[in-house]
Amino acid sequence: MKKAWGSAAMIAATILWGVAFSAQSSGMKFIEPMVFTALRSMVGVLSLCAVIVLFDLVKVKKATFWGTAESSAERKELVTGGLLCGTV
């Protein structure tokens, strides 16, 4: 079952990769590259947020911004790591 799930995930990723390339090529005719990249990133962020909330609902777990970080030290570590990943 895991092998079939992995194969299906790889096929889905391949299809999405190909569709994204076609969309990017045709999208460059209408908008600037930076605007396209910003919109594409926002779609990705919103999609991931929806997936996170969906997974939290399926597990009947409270959806939180911080995930499993409960203490302020853990939250500080998450923010610092996120900022470093985004700027480096």
C-alpha atoms as a PDB file:
ATOM      1  CA  MET A   1       0.000   0.000   0.000  1.00  0.00           C
ATOM      2  CA  LYS A   2       2.811   2.415   0.858  1.00  0.00           C
ATOM      3  CA  LYS A   3       4.524   1.660  -2.434  1.00  0.00           C
ATOM      4  CA  ALA A   4       1.349   2.432  -4.407  1.00  0.00           C
ATOM      5  CA  TRP A   5       0.849   5.657  -2.426  1.00  0.00           C
ATOM      6  CA  GLY A   6       4.442   6.709  -3.138  1.00  0.00           C
ATOM      7  CA  SER A   7       4.059   6.000  -6.848  1.00  0.00           C
ATOM      8  CA  ALA A   8       0.796   7.958  -7.004  1.00  0.00           C
ATOM      9  CA  ALA A   9       2.422  10.889  -5.202  1.00  0.00           C
ATOM     10  CA  MET A  10       5.336  10.896  -7.657  1.00  0.00           C
ATOM     11  CA  ILE A  11       2.982  10.836 -10.651  1.00  0.00           C
ATOM     12  CA  ALA A  12       0.953  13.702  -9.166  1.00  0.00           C
ATOM     13  CA  ALA A  13       4.133  15.720  -8.536  1.00  0.00           C
ATOM     14  CA  THR A  14       5.281  15.128 -12.115  1.00  0.00           C
ATOM     15  CA  ILE A  15       1.946  16.281 -13.526  1.00  0.00           C
ATOM     16  CA  LEU A  16       1.916  19.374 -11.305  1.00  0.00           C
ATOM     17  CA  TRP A  17       5.505  20.194 -12.286  1.00  0.00           C
ATOM     18  CA  GLY A  18       4.634  20.009 -15.986  1.00  0.00           C
ATOM     19  CA  VAL A  19       1.450  22.036 -15.629  1.00  0.00           C
ATOM     20  CA  ALA A  20       3.294  24.681 -13.593  1.00  0.00           C
ATOM     21  CA  PHE A  21       5.908  25.062 -16.334  1.00  0.00           C
ATOM     22  CA  SER A  22       3.229  25.549 -18.986  1.00  0.00           C
ATOM     23  CA  ALA A  23       1.337  28.016 -16.798  1.00  0.00           C
ATOM     24  CA  GLN A  24       4.504  29.987 -16.117  1.00  0.00           C
ATOM     25  CA  SER A  25       5.396  30.163 -19.803  1.00  0.00           C
ATOM     26  CA  SER A  26       1.970  31.442 -20.794  1.00  0.00           C
ATOM     27  CA  GLY A  27       1.657  33.676 -17.713  1.00  0.00           C
ATOM     28  CA  MET A  28       4.786  35.631 -18.635  1.00  0.00           C
ATOM     29  CA  LYS A  29       2.910  37.024 -21.640  1.00  0.00           C
ATOM     30  CA  PHE A  30       0.478  38.913 -19.408  1.00  0.00           C
ATOM     31  CA  ILE A  31       2.248  39.930 -16.179  1.00  0.00           C
ATOM     32  CA  GLU A  32       5.727  40.808 -14.970  1.00  0.00           C
ATOM     33  CA  PRO A  33       7.984  38.028 -13.627  1.00  0.00           C
ATOM     34  CA  MET A  34       8.114  39.389 -10.058  1.00  0.00           C
ATOM     35  CA  VAL A  35       4.328  39.708  -9.870  1.00  0.00           C
ATOM     36  CA  PHE A  36       3.942  36.178 -11.199  1.00  0.00           C
ATOM     37  CA  THR A  37       6.420  34.837  -8.654  1.00  0.00           C
ATOM     38  CA  ALA A  38       4.670  36.672  -5.807  1.00  0.00           C
ATOM     39  CA  LEU A  39       1.257  35.344  -6.862  1.00  0.00           C
ATOM     40  CA  ARG A  40       2.641  31.837  -7.245  1.00  0.00           C
ATOM     41  CA  SER A  41       4.161  31.998  -3.769  1.00  0.00           C
ATOM     42  CA  MET A  42       0.905  33.241  -2.271  1.00  0.00           C
ATOM     43  CA  VAL A  43      -1.011  30.366  -3.879  1.00  0.00           C
ATOM     44  CA  GLY A  44       1.532  27.976  -2.368  1.00  0.00           C
ATOM     45  CA  VAL A  45       1.226  29.530   1.088  1.00  0.00           C
ATOM     46  CA  LEU A  46      -2.567  29.441   1.019  1.00  0.00           C
ATOM     47  CA  SER A  47      -2.542  25.840  -0.218  1.00  0.00           C
ATOM     48  CA  LEU A  48      -0.184  24.726   2.533  1.00  0.00           C
ATOM     49  CA  CYS A  49      -2.234  26.541   5.179  1.00  0.00           C
ATOM     50  CA  ALA A  50      -5.343  24.747   3.943  1.00  0.00           C
ATOM     51  CA  VAL A  51      -3.551  21.390   4.066  1.00  0.00           C
ATOM     52  CA  ILE A  52      -2.290  22.057   7.601  1.00  0.00           C
ATOM     53  CA  VAL A  53      -5.767  22.972   8.819  1.00  0.00           C
ATOM     54  CA  LEU A  54      -7.244  19.933   7.058  1.00  0.00           C
ATOM     55  CA  PHE A  55      -4.716  17.588   8.653  1.00  0.00           C
ATOM     56  CA  ASP A  56      -5.357  19.143  12.068  1.00  0.00           C
ATOM     57  CA  LEU A  57      -9.104  18.662  11.615  1.00  0.00           C
ATOM     58  CA  VAL A  58      -8.709  15.050  10.519  1.00  0.00           C
ATOM     59  CA  LYS A  59      -6.613  14.305  13.595  1.00  0.00           C
ATOM     60  CA  VAL A  60      -9.234  16.132  15.702  1.00  0.00           C
ATOM     61  CA  LYS A  61      -6.512  18.397  16.965  1.00  0.00           C
ATOM     62  CA  LYS A  62      -6.731  22.114  17.540  1.00  0.00           C
ATOM     63  CA  ALA A  63      -5.320  24.061  14.584  1.00  0.00           C
ATOM     64  CA  THR A  64      -2.717  26.495  15.867  1.00  0.00           C
ATOM     65  CA  PHE A  65      -0.277  28.844  14.197  1.00  0.00           C
ATOM     66  CA  TRP A  66       2.630  27.455  16.195  1.00  0.00           C
ATOM     67  CA  GLY A  67       1.951  23.769  15.605  1.00  0.00           C
ATOM     68  CA  THR A  68       3.265  21.778  18.556  1.00  0.00           C
ATOM     69  CA  ALA A  69       5.378  24.567  20.104  1.00  0.00           C
ATOM     70  CA  GLU A  70       3.886  25.217  23.513  1.00  0.00           C
ATOM     71  CA  SER A  71       6.521  27.217  25.372  1.00  0.00           C
ATOM     72  CA  SER A  72       7.758  30.676  24.469  1.00  0.00           C
ATOM     73  CA  ALA A  73      11.287  29.293  23.988  1.00  0.00           C
ATOM     74  CA  GLU A  74      10.036  26.847  21.353  1.00  0.00           C
ATOM     75  CA  ARG A  75       8.095  29.613  19.595  1.00  0.00           C
ATOM     76  CA  LYS A  76      11.167  31.864  19.608  1.00  0.00           C
ATOM     77  CA  GLU A  77      13.206  29.047  18.085  1.00  0.00           C
ATOM     78  CA  LEU A  78      10.590  28.556  15.350  1.00  0.00           C
ATOM     79  CA  VAL A  79      10.491  32.253  14.468  1.00  0.00           C
ATOM     80  CA  THR A  80      14.288  32.547  14.467  1.00  0.00           C
ATOM     81  CA  GLY A  81      14.670  29.472  12.275  1.00  0.00           C
ATOM     82  CA  GLY A  82      11.987  30.679   9.889  1.00  0.00           C
ATOM     83  CA  LEU A  83      13.568  34.101   9.554  1.00  0.00           C
ATOM     84  CA  LEU A  84      16.998  32.596   8.959  1.00  0.00           C
ATOM     85  CA  CYS A  85      15.622  30.238   6.314  1.00  0.00           C
ATOM     86  CA  GLY A  86      13.829  33.089   4.589  1.00  0.00           C
ATOM     87  CA  THR A  87      16.809  35.455   4.492  1.00  0.00           C
ATOM     88  CA  VAL A  88      19.815  33.188   3.985  1.00  0.00           C
END
